[in-house]
Every structure is written in C-alpha cells, then in structure tokens.
Amino acid sequence: MTFNHLLLVAVLLALIVLIILQVSARKNQGNKEMLDRFQEELQRLDRSTRDEFARNREESQKSAQANRDELKTSLTDNRKEQQTSLKSFEESFKQSVQDFNELQKRKFDELLLQQDKIRKETEEKLGSVRETVE
C-alpha cells in the first residue's frame, strides 16, 4: 500500500470513530468535549492529508517533467549520433565506389591494351600467312 492509501484508510477510520462517538454522545452529553477535540483532530488530519496529496501531486509533476527532459536530451543525442554515423557511412561508401570505379577503369584500359596487342599480333600473323600463301 502506498502512503496515500494509508492516509485514506486513517481518515476513514477517524470518520468511523467520529460517527461512533456522535452516536454515543447522543446517549451521553458528557462526551461533547471529547467529540469536539476529536473533530478538531479530524480536521487537522484532513488538512494534513490534503497537504500531503498536494505535495505528492507536485512531486509527481516535477518527476514527470524531469523524465521528459531526460528523454528529450537522450533522443536529441541519439539523433546526432545517427546523423554522424550516417554521414561517416556516406563518405566511406562514396570513397569505396570511387575506388571501385578507378579500379574498373584501369582494368578496362588494360583490357583494351591487351586487346590491341592481340589484334596487332593477329594482323602480323595474318600478314605472314598471306606472304607465305603468295
């Protein structure tokens, strides 16, 4: 049970006792002073309970606000980290693509050179075959 529940139970018990005392006060007028003191105590307890509820509500609101602020800060930091990571990934990916393109261009140029060399060798062999045939 929370403190609020305990206070509520205490107030209810006090009301029950007050009712019992009022019933018995009707039977016996000598208990009027005791009943008045009990009513005063009950009013003091009621004020105390209301004050405690107000403090608890205020503390809960402050705690909720602090939690929201912490969550906001955490989400902001997380967003910044994600942006930094994404930027880093983007740069790394861009560099990898550029490196791959350069490698592919070099290999294509080498392939063209080899193809040109093979073409020339084939022409020379074909020329020697022609000379031989003639």
N, C-alpha and C. Protein backbone atom coordinates (compact mmCIF):
# COMPACT_ATOMS: atom_id res chain seq x y z
N MET A 1 0.83 -1.19 0.00
CA MET A 1 0.00 0.00 0.00
C MET A 1 0.87 1.24 0.00
N THR A 2 0.44 2.22 -0.72
CA THR A 2 1.19 3.46 -0.76
C THR A 2 0.78 4.34 0.41
N PHE A 3 1.55 5.38 0.60
CA PHE A 3 1.30 6.31 1.69
C PHE A 3 -0.07 6.95 1.54
N ASN A 4 -0.45 7.23 0.31
CA ASN A 4 -1.76 7.83 0.05
C ASN A 4 -2.89 6.89 0.49
N HIS A 5 -2.74 5.61 0.21
CA HIS A 5 -3.74 4.64 0.63
C HIS A 5 -3.82 4.57 2.15
N LEU A 6 -2.69 4.59 2.80
CA LEU A 6 -2.67 4.54 4.26
C LEU A 6 -3.35 5.77 4.85
N LEU A 7 -3.08 6.93 4.29
CA LEU A 7 -3.74 8.14 4.78
C LEU A 7 -5.25 8.06 4.59
N LEU A 8 -5.66 7.55 3.48
CA LEU A 8 -7.09 7.42 3.21
C LEU A 8 -7.73 6.47 4.21
N VAL A 9 -7.09 5.37 4.51
CA VAL A 9 -7.60 4.41 5.50
C VAL A 9 -7.68 5.08 6.86
N ALA A 10 -6.66 5.86 7.23
CA ALA A 10 -6.66 6.54 8.51
C ALA A 10 -7.80 7.53 8.60
N VAL A 11 -8.07 8.27 7.53
CA VAL A 11 -9.19 9.22 7.53
C VAL A 11 -10.51 8.48 7.66
N LEU A 12 -10.66 7.38 6.96
CA LEU A 12 -11.90 6.59 7.06
C LEU A 12 -12.10 6.05 8.47
N LEU A 13 -11.04 5.56 9.07
CA LEU A 13 -11.14 5.07 10.45
C LEU A 13 -11.53 6.21 11.39
N ALA A 14 -10.94 7.36 11.18
CA ALA A 14 -11.27 8.51 12.02
C ALA A 14 -12.75 8.88 11.86
N LEU A 15 -13.26 8.82 10.64
CA LEU A 15 -14.68 9.11 10.42
C LEU A 15 -15.57 8.09 11.13
N ILE A 16 -15.17 6.85 11.08
CA ILE A 16 -15.94 5.80 11.75
C ILE A 16 -15.97 6.06 13.25
N VAL A 17 -14.81 6.38 13.79
CA VAL A 17 -14.75 6.67 15.23
C VAL A 17 -15.60 7.89 15.54
N LEU A 18 -15.56 8.90 14.71
CA LEU A 18 -16.37 10.11 14.90
C LEU A 18 -17.85 9.76 14.91
N ILE A 19 -18.26 8.93 13.99
CA ILE A 19 -19.67 8.53 13.95
C ILE A 19 -20.06 7.78 15.22
N ILE A 20 -19.19 6.88 15.63
CA ILE A 20 -19.46 6.12 16.86
C ILE A 20 -19.56 7.08 18.05
N LEU A 21 -18.64 8.03 18.10
CA LEU A 21 -18.66 8.99 19.20
C LEU A 21 -19.90 9.87 19.16
N GLN A 22 -20.35 10.25 17.96
CA GLN A 22 -21.56 11.06 17.85
C GLN A 22 -22.77 10.29 18.35
N VAL A 23 -22.83 9.01 18.00
CA VAL A 23 -23.94 8.17 18.45
C VAL A 23 -23.91 8.06 19.98
N SER A 24 -22.73 7.79 20.49
CA SER A 24 -22.63 7.67 21.95
C SER A 24 -22.78 9.02 22.63
N ALA A 25 -22.45 10.13 21.93
CA ALA A 25 -22.62 11.46 22.51
C ALA A 25 -24.09 11.78 22.68
N ARG A 26 -24.88 11.29 21.78
CA ARG A 26 -26.32 11.50 21.93
C ARG A 26 -26.82 10.83 23.21
N LYS A 27 -26.20 9.70 23.51
CA LYS A 27 -26.58 8.98 24.73
C LYS A 27 -26.01 9.67 25.96
N ASN A 28 -24.85 10.26 25.74
CA ASN A 28 -24.16 10.82 26.91
C ASN A 28 -23.60 12.18 26.51
N GLN A 29 -24.14 13.26 27.03
CA GLN A 29 -23.70 14.60 26.70
C GLN A 29 -22.33 14.90 27.29
N GLY A 30 -21.80 14.09 28.18
CA GLY A 30 -20.51 14.31 28.80
C GLY A 30 -19.36 14.14 27.83
N ASN A 31 -19.62 13.51 26.74
CA ASN A 31 -18.56 13.26 25.75
C ASN A 31 -18.44 14.39 24.74
N LYS A 32 -19.20 15.51 24.94
CA LYS A 32 -19.18 16.59 23.97
C LYS A 32 -17.79 17.18 23.81
N GLU A 33 -17.10 17.38 24.90
CA GLU A 33 -15.74 17.92 24.80
C GLU A 33 -14.82 16.96 24.05
N MET A 34 -14.94 15.70 24.37
CA MET A 34 -14.11 14.71 23.68
C MET A 34 -14.46 14.68 22.20
N LEU A 35 -15.71 14.79 21.87
CA LEU A 35 -16.15 14.81 20.49
C LEU A 35 -15.62 16.05 19.77
N ASP A 36 -15.66 17.22 20.43
CA ASP A 36 -15.11 18.44 19.84
C ASP A 36 -13.62 18.30 19.57
N ARG A 37 -12.89 17.77 20.53
CA ARG A 37 -11.44 17.55 20.32
C ARG A 37 -11.20 16.59 19.17
N PHE A 38 -12.02 15.55 19.13
CA PHE A 38 -11.85 14.58 18.05
C PHE A 38 -12.15 15.23 16.71
N GLN A 39 -13.16 16.07 16.62
CA GLN A 39 -13.48 16.76 15.38
C GLN A 39 -12.33 17.69 14.97
N GLU A 40 -11.78 18.39 15.95
CA GLU A 40 -10.63 19.26 15.65
C GLU A 40 -9.46 18.44 15.12
N GLU A 41 -9.22 17.32 15.76
CA GLU A 41 -8.12 16.43 15.32
C GLU A 41 -8.40 15.89 13.92
N LEU A 42 -9.67 15.57 13.69
CA LEU A 42 -10.05 15.07 12.37
C LEU A 42 -9.85 16.15 11.31
N GLN A 43 -10.19 17.38 11.61
CA GLN A 43 -9.99 18.49 10.68
C GLN A 43 -8.50 18.70 10.41
N ARG A 44 -7.69 18.62 11.48
CA ARG A 44 -6.25 18.75 11.31
C ARG A 44 -5.72 17.62 10.43
N LEU A 45 -6.20 16.41 10.67
CA LEU A 45 -5.79 15.26 9.86
C LEU A 45 -6.24 15.45 8.41
N ASP A 46 -7.41 16.00 8.20
CA ASP A 46 -7.91 16.26 6.85
C ASP A 46 -7.02 17.27 6.14
N ARG A 47 -6.68 18.36 6.82
CA ARG A 47 -5.78 19.35 6.21
C ARG A 47 -4.42 18.73 5.89
N SER A 48 -3.94 17.95 6.84
CA SER A 48 -2.63 17.30 6.64
C SER A 48 -2.68 16.36 5.43
N THR A 49 -3.77 15.63 5.32
CA THR A 49 -3.93 14.70 4.19
C THR A 49 -3.98 15.46 2.88
N ARG A 50 -4.73 16.55 2.85
CA ARG A 50 -4.83 17.36 1.63
C ARG A 50 -3.46 17.94 1.25
N ASP A 51 -2.74 18.42 2.27
CA ASP A 51 -1.40 18.96 2.00
C ASP A 51 -0.47 17.88 1.45
N GLU A 52 -0.56 16.70 2.03
CA GLU A 52 0.30 15.60 1.56
C GLU A 52 -0.04 15.20 0.13
N PHE A 53 -1.33 15.15 -0.18
CA PHE A 53 -1.74 14.85 -1.56
C PHE A 53 -1.23 15.92 -2.51
N ALA A 54 -1.32 17.17 -2.11
CA ALA A 54 -0.84 18.27 -2.97
C ALA A 54 0.66 18.16 -3.20
N ARG A 55 1.40 17.85 -2.13
CA ARG A 55 2.87 17.69 -2.28
C ARG A 55 3.20 16.51 -3.18
N ASN A 56 2.48 15.41 -2.99
CA ASN A 56 2.73 14.23 -3.84
C ASN A 56 2.43 14.53 -5.30
N ARG A 57 1.34 15.27 -5.54
CA ARG A 57 0.99 15.63 -6.92
C ARG A 57 2.08 16.51 -7.52
N GLU A 58 2.56 17.47 -6.75
CA GLU A 58 3.61 18.38 -7.21
C GLU A 58 4.90 17.61 -7.49
N GLU A 59 5.27 16.71 -6.58
CA GLU A 59 6.48 15.90 -6.78
C GLU A 59 6.35 15.03 -8.02
N SER A 60 5.16 14.47 -8.23
CA SER A 60 4.94 13.63 -9.42
C SER A 60 5.08 14.44 -10.70
N GLN A 61 4.55 15.66 -10.68
CA GLN A 61 4.65 16.52 -11.86
C GLN A 61 6.11 16.88 -12.14
N LYS A 62 6.86 17.20 -11.09
CA LYS A 62 8.27 17.54 -11.27
C LYS A 62 9.05 16.33 -11.79
N SER A 63 8.76 15.17 -11.23
CA SER A 63 9.44 13.95 -11.68
C SER A 63 9.11 13.64 -13.14
N ALA A 64 7.85 13.80 -13.51
CA ALA A 64 7.45 13.55 -14.90
C ALA A 64 8.14 14.53 -15.84
N GLN A 65 8.22 15.80 -15.43
CA GLN A 65 8.90 16.81 -16.26
C GLN A 65 10.37 16.47 -16.42
N ALA A 66 11.01 16.06 -15.31
CA ALA A 66 12.43 15.68 -15.38
C ALA A 66 12.62 14.49 -16.31
N ASN A 67 11.72 13.52 -16.25
CA ASN A 67 11.81 12.35 -17.12
C ASN A 67 11.63 12.74 -18.59
N ARG A 68 10.69 13.65 -18.87
CA ARG A 68 10.50 14.10 -20.24
C ARG A 68 11.74 14.85 -20.75
N ASP A 69 12.31 15.69 -19.89
CA ASP A 69 13.51 16.43 -20.29
C ASP A 69 14.67 15.47 -20.57
N GLU A 70 14.82 14.46 -19.72
CA GLU A 70 15.90 13.49 -19.92
C GLU A 70 15.68 12.71 -21.21
N LEU A 71 14.44 12.32 -21.47
CA LEU A 71 14.12 11.60 -22.70
C LEU A 71 14.40 12.46 -23.92
N LYS A 72 14.03 13.73 -23.85
CA LYS A 72 14.27 14.65 -24.96
C LYS A 72 15.77 14.78 -25.23
N THR A 73 16.55 14.94 -24.17
CA THR A 73 18.00 15.05 -24.32
C THR A 73 18.58 13.77 -24.92
N SER A 74 18.11 12.65 -24.42
CA SER A 74 18.59 11.37 -24.92
C SER A 74 18.26 11.18 -26.40
N LEU A 75 17.04 11.53 -26.79
CA LEU A 75 16.65 11.39 -28.19
C LEU A 75 17.43 12.34 -29.09
N THR A 76 17.68 13.55 -28.59
CA THR A 76 18.45 14.52 -29.36
C THR A 76 19.88 14.01 -29.57
N ASP A 77 20.48 13.50 -28.49
CA ASP A 77 21.84 12.96 -28.60
C ASP A 77 21.88 11.78 -29.55
N ASN A 78 20.87 10.92 -29.45
CA ASN A 78 20.80 9.74 -30.32
C ASN A 78 20.68 10.16 -31.77
N ARG A 79 19.86 11.17 -32.03
CA ARG A 79 19.68 11.66 -33.41
C ARG A 79 21.00 12.21 -33.96
N LYS A 80 21.73 12.95 -33.12
CA LYS A 80 23.01 13.50 -33.56
C LYS A 80 24.00 12.37 -33.85
N GLU A 81 24.01 11.34 -33.01
CA GLU A 81 24.91 10.20 -33.24
C GLU A 81 24.55 9.51 -34.55
N GLN A 82 23.26 9.34 -34.80
CA GLN A 82 22.83 8.69 -36.04
C GLN A 82 23.22 9.53 -37.26
N GLN A 83 23.08 10.83 -37.16
CA GLN A 83 23.45 11.70 -38.28
C GLN A 83 24.95 11.60 -38.54
N THR A 84 25.74 11.60 -37.47
CA THR A 84 27.19 11.48 -37.62
C THR A 84 27.56 10.14 -38.25
N SER A 85 26.94 9.07 -37.76
CA SER A 85 27.21 7.74 -38.30
C SER A 85 26.81 7.65 -39.76
N LEU A 86 25.66 8.20 -40.08
CA LEU A 86 25.19 8.16 -41.46
C LEU A 86 26.12 8.95 -42.37
N LYS A 87 26.57 10.10 -41.91
CA LYS A 87 27.49 10.93 -42.70
C LYS A 87 28.80 10.16 -42.93
N SER A 88 29.30 9.53 -41.88
CA SER A 88 30.53 8.74 -41.99
C SER A 88 30.35 7.59 -42.98
N PHE A 89 29.20 6.89 -42.87
CA PHE A 89 28.92 5.80 -43.79
C PHE A 89 28.84 6.31 -45.22
N GLU A 90 28.19 7.44 -45.40
CA GLU A 90 28.05 8.02 -46.73
C GLU A 90 29.41 8.33 -47.35
N GLU A 91 30.28 8.95 -46.57
CA GLU A 91 31.63 9.27 -47.06
C GLU A 91 32.42 8.01 -47.38
N SER A 92 32.34 7.04 -46.50
CA SER A 92 33.05 5.78 -46.72
C SER A 92 32.52 5.07 -47.97
N PHE A 93 31.21 5.02 -48.12
CA PHE A 93 30.61 4.38 -49.28
C PHE A 93 31.00 5.11 -50.56
N LYS A 94 30.96 6.43 -50.51
CA LYS A 94 31.33 7.24 -51.68
C LYS A 94 32.78 6.96 -52.08
N GLN A 95 33.68 6.90 -51.11
CA GLN A 95 35.09 6.63 -51.40
C GLN A 95 35.26 5.22 -51.97
N SER A 96 34.52 4.26 -51.42
CA SER A 96 34.60 2.88 -51.93
C SER A 96 34.13 2.80 -53.38
N VAL A 97 33.06 3.49 -53.69
CA VAL A 97 32.54 3.49 -55.06
C VAL A 97 33.55 4.14 -56.01
N GLN A 98 34.14 5.24 -55.57
CA GLN A 98 35.15 5.91 -56.40
C GLN A 98 36.36 5.00 -56.62
N ASP A 99 36.83 4.34 -55.56
CA ASP A 99 37.95 3.41 -55.70
C ASP A 99 37.60 2.28 -56.65
N PHE A 100 36.40 1.75 -56.53
CA PHE A 100 35.96 0.67 -57.41
C PHE A 100 35.91 1.15 -58.86
N ASN A 101 35.38 2.36 -59.06
CA ASN A 101 35.32 2.90 -60.42
C ASN A 101 36.71 3.08 -61.02
N GLU A 102 37.64 3.57 -60.22
CA GLU A 102 39.02 3.71 -60.71
C GLU A 102 39.61 2.36 -61.07
N LEU A 103 39.42 1.39 -60.21
CA LEU A 103 39.94 0.05 -60.47
C LEU A 103 39.32 -0.51 -61.74
N GLN A 104 38.05 -0.35 -61.88
CA GLN A 104 37.36 -0.86 -63.06
C GLN A 104 37.88 -0.15 -64.32
N LYS A 105 38.11 1.15 -64.25
CA LYS A 105 38.64 1.89 -65.40
C LYS A 105 40.03 1.39 -65.76
N ARG A 106 40.89 1.18 -64.74
CA ARG A 106 42.24 0.67 -65.01
C ARG A 106 42.18 -0.70 -65.66
N LYS A 107 41.34 -1.56 -65.13
CA LYS A 107 41.23 -2.91 -65.69
C LYS A 107 40.69 -2.85 -67.12
N PHE A 108 39.75 -1.97 -67.36
CA PHE A 108 39.21 -1.82 -68.71
C PHE A 108 40.29 -1.30 -69.66
N ASP A 109 41.10 -0.33 -69.20
CA ASP A 109 42.20 0.19 -70.03
C ASP A 109 43.21 -0.92 -70.32
N GLU A 110 43.52 -1.74 -69.29
CA GLU A 110 44.46 -2.86 -69.50
C GLU A 110 43.88 -3.84 -70.50
N LEU A 111 42.57 -4.08 -70.39
CA LEU A 111 41.92 -5.00 -71.32
C LEU A 111 41.99 -4.45 -72.75
N LEU A 112 41.79 -3.15 -72.90
CA LEU A 112 41.89 -2.53 -74.23
C LEU A 112 43.31 -2.67 -74.78
N LEU A 113 44.33 -2.44 -73.93
CA LEU A 113 45.71 -2.60 -74.37
C LEU A 113 45.99 -4.04 -74.80
N GLN A 114 45.52 -5.00 -74.01
CA GLN A 114 45.72 -6.40 -74.36
C GLN A 114 44.99 -6.75 -75.66
N GLN A 115 43.79 -6.22 -75.77
CA GLN A 115 43.04 -6.48 -76.99
C GLN A 115 43.74 -5.87 -78.21
N ASP A 116 44.28 -4.65 -78.05
CA ASP A 116 45.01 -4.00 -79.14
C ASP A 116 46.27 -4.81 -79.48
N LYS A 117 46.97 -5.29 -78.45
CA LYS A 117 48.17 -6.10 -78.66
C LYS A 117 47.83 -7.38 -79.41
N ILE A 118 46.76 -8.04 -78.99
CA ILE A 118 46.35 -9.29 -79.64
C ILE A 118 45.94 -9.01 -81.09
N ARG A 119 45.25 -7.92 -81.33
CA ARG A 119 44.84 -7.56 -82.68
C ARG A 119 46.06 -7.36 -83.57
N LYS A 120 47.08 -6.63 -83.03
CA LYS A 120 48.29 -6.39 -83.82
C LYS A 120 49.01 -7.70 -84.10
N GLU A 121 49.12 -8.57 -83.09
CA GLU A 121 49.79 -9.86 -83.29
C GLU A 121 49.04 -10.69 -84.33
N THR A 122 47.71 -10.63 -84.26
CA THR A 122 46.90 -11.38 -85.23
C THR A 122 47.11 -10.82 -86.63
N GLU A 123 47.18 -9.50 -86.75
CA GLU A 123 47.41 -8.90 -88.07
C GLU A 123 48.78 -9.30 -88.61
N GLU A 124 49.80 -9.31 -87.72
CA GLU A 124 51.14 -9.70 -88.16
C GLU A 124 51.17 -11.15 -88.63
N LYS A 125 50.50 -12.02 -87.85
CA LYS A 125 50.47 -13.43 -88.23
C LYS A 125 49.69 -13.63 -89.52
N LEU A 126 48.61 -12.88 -89.64
CA LEU A 126 47.82 -12.98 -90.85
C LEU A 126 48.64 -12.48 -92.05
N GLY A 127 49.42 -11.40 -91.82
CA GLY A 127 50.27 -10.87 -92.89
C GLY A 127 51.33 -11.89 -93.28
N SER A 128 51.93 -12.58 -92.31
CA SER A 128 52.94 -13.58 -92.65
C SER A 128 52.33 -14.78 -93.34
N VAL A 129 51.06 -15.14 -92.97
CA VAL A 129 50.37 -16.25 -93.63
C VAL A 129 50.09 -15.85 -95.07
N ARG A 130 49.73 -14.61 -95.33
CA ARG A 130 49.46 -14.14 -96.68
C ARG A 130 50.74 -14.19 -97.51
N GLU A 131 51.85 -13.76 -96.90
CA GLU A 131 53.11 -13.78 -97.62
C GLU A 131 53.48 -15.21 -97.98
N THR A 132 53.21 -16.08 -97.06
CA THR A 132 53.53 -17.48 -97.30
C THR A 132 52.65 -18.03 -98.40
N VAL A 133 51.42 -17.70 -98.46
CA VAL A 133 50.48 -18.19 -99.45
C VAL A 133 50.83 -17.59 -100.81
N GLU A 134 51.29 -16.41 -100.88
CA GLU A 134 51.54 -15.78 -102.18
C GLU A 134 52.81 -16.31 -102.70
